[in-house]
Amino acid sequence: MEKDTDWTYPYQNNYPGDSKNEHRTLETANVLIGESEIGQQNENL
């Protein structure tokens, strides 16, 4: 059985820079989560 790899590129849901945008979104989410965690820890002191 032959492996079908035609879907990887150019796949319409992927575009140049997509992984960078996703990484930036994850970094932003981590900052927001981190801020709330620090606030919670300060309240617990």
N, C-alpha and C. Protein backbone atom coordinates (compact mmCIF):
# COMPACT_ATOMS: atom_id res chain seq x y z
N MET A 1 0.84 -1.17 0.00
CA MET A 1 0.00 0.00 0.00
C MET A 1 0.89 1.25 0.00
N GLU A 2 0.61 2.16 -0.89
CA GLU A 2 1.40 3.37 -1.01
C GLU A 2 0.88 4.44 -0.06
N LYS A 3 1.79 5.13 0.60
CA LYS A 3 1.43 6.18 1.54
C LYS A 3 1.04 7.44 0.78
N ASP A 4 -0.12 8.00 1.10
CA ASP A 4 -0.61 9.20 0.44
C ASP A 4 -0.11 10.43 1.19
N THR A 5 0.83 11.15 0.58
CA THR A 5 1.40 12.34 1.23
C THR A 5 1.06 13.62 0.47
N ASP A 6 0.15 13.55 -0.49
CA ASP A 6 -0.17 14.73 -1.29
C ASP A 6 -0.86 15.82 -0.49
N TRP A 7 -1.43 15.49 0.67
CA TRP A 7 -2.19 16.47 1.44
C TRP A 7 -1.31 17.44 2.23
N THR A 8 -0.01 17.16 2.35
CA THR A 8 0.82 17.99 3.22
C THR A 8 1.09 19.37 2.64
N TYR A 9 1.37 19.48 1.37
CA TYR A 9 1.67 20.79 0.79
C TYR A 9 1.31 20.78 -0.68
N PRO A 10 0.68 21.74 -1.19
CA PRO A 10 0.10 22.89 -0.49
C PRO A 10 -1.29 22.56 0.04
N TYR A 11 -1.43 22.46 1.31
CA TYR A 11 -2.71 22.18 1.94
C TYR A 11 -3.39 23.52 2.20
N GLN A 12 -4.64 23.65 1.88
CA GLN A 12 -5.29 24.95 1.91
C GLN A 12 -5.41 25.53 3.32
N ASN A 13 -5.35 24.70 4.35
CA ASN A 13 -5.43 25.22 5.71
C ASN A 13 -4.08 25.67 6.24
N ASN A 14 -3.02 25.42 5.50
CA ASN A 14 -1.68 25.86 5.88
C ASN A 14 -1.21 26.93 4.92
N TYR A 15 -0.50 27.91 5.45
CA TYR A 15 0.06 28.94 4.60
C TYR A 15 1.38 29.39 5.22
N PRO A 16 2.25 30.01 4.45
CA PRO A 16 3.54 30.44 4.98
C PRO A 16 3.36 31.37 6.18
N GLY A 17 4.08 31.09 7.24
CA GLY A 17 3.98 31.89 8.45
C GLY A 17 2.95 31.39 9.44
N ASP A 18 2.20 30.37 9.06
CA ASP A 18 1.13 29.86 9.92
C ASP A 18 1.66 29.38 11.26
N SER A 19 2.77 28.66 11.25
CA SER A 19 3.32 28.14 12.51
C SER A 19 3.83 29.27 13.40
N LYS A 20 4.35 30.34 12.80
CA LYS A 20 4.80 31.49 13.59
C LYS A 20 3.61 32.16 14.26
N ASN A 21 2.52 32.31 13.53
CA ASN A 21 1.33 32.93 14.10
C ASN A 21 0.77 32.08 15.23
N GLU A 22 0.77 30.77 15.05
CA GLU A 22 0.27 29.88 16.09
C GLU A 22 1.16 29.95 17.32
N HIS A 23 2.46 30.00 17.12
CA HIS A 23 3.41 30.09 18.23
C HIS A 23 3.19 31.40 19.00
N ARG A 24 3.00 32.48 18.30
CA ARG A 24 2.77 33.77 18.95
C ARG A 24 1.47 33.74 19.76
N THR A 25 0.45 33.10 19.24
CA THR A 25 -0.82 32.98 19.96
C THR A 25 -0.62 32.18 21.25
N LEU A 26 0.14 31.10 21.17
CA LEU A 26 0.41 30.29 22.36
C LEU A 26 1.23 31.07 23.38
N GLU A 27 2.20 31.85 22.93
CA GLU A 27 2.99 32.66 23.85
C GLU A 27 2.12 33.67 24.57
N THR A 28 1.21 34.31 23.84
CA THR A 28 0.30 35.28 24.45
C THR A 28 -0.59 34.62 25.49
N ALA A 29 -1.11 33.45 25.16
CA ALA A 29 -1.95 32.71 26.11
C ALA A 29 -1.16 32.35 27.35
N ASN A 30 0.09 31.93 27.19
CA ASN A 30 0.93 31.59 28.34
C ASN A 30 1.18 32.79 29.24
N VAL A 31 1.37 33.97 28.65
CA VAL A 31 1.57 35.18 29.44
C VAL A 31 0.32 35.47 30.27
N LEU A 32 -0.84 35.38 29.65
CA LEU A 32 -2.09 35.67 30.36
C LEU A 32 -2.32 34.67 31.49
N ILE A 33 -2.07 33.41 31.22
CA ILE A 33 -2.22 32.38 32.26
C ILE A 33 -1.22 32.62 33.38
N GLY A 34 0.01 32.95 33.02
CA GLY A 34 1.04 33.21 34.02
C GLY A 34 0.69 34.38 34.92
N GLU A 35 0.12 35.44 34.33
CA GLU A 35 -0.27 36.59 35.14
C GLU A 35 -1.33 36.22 36.15
N SER A 36 -2.31 35.43 35.75
CA SER A 36 -3.36 35.04 36.69
C SER A 36 -2.81 34.10 37.76
N GLU A 37 -1.85 33.26 37.40
CA GLU A 37 -1.24 32.36 38.39
C GLU A 37 -0.46 33.16 39.43
N ILE A 38 0.28 34.19 38.99
CA ILE A 38 1.04 35.03 39.92
C ILE A 38 0.09 35.77 40.85
N GLY A 39 -1.00 36.28 40.29
CA GLY A 39 -2.00 36.96 41.11
C GLY A 39 -2.59 36.04 42.16
N GLN A 40 -2.88 34.83 41.79
CA GLN A 40 -3.42 33.84 42.73
C GLN A 40 -2.41 33.53 43.83
N GLN A 41 -1.16 33.38 43.47
CA GLN A 41 -0.13 33.09 44.47
C GLN A 41 0.03 34.27 45.44
N ASN A 42 -0.05 35.49 44.95
CA ASN A 42 0.05 36.67 45.82
C ASN A 42 -1.13 36.74 46.79
N GLU A 43 -2.32 36.35 46.34
CA GLU A 43 -3.49 36.35 47.21
C GLU A 43 -3.36 35.28 48.30
N ASN A 44 -2.65 34.21 48.02
CA ASN A 44 -2.50 33.12 48.97
C ASN A 44 -1.46 33.40 50.04
N LEU A 45 -0.69 34.49 49.92
CA LEU A 45 0.36 34.80 50.92
C LEU A 45 -0.25 35.31 52.20
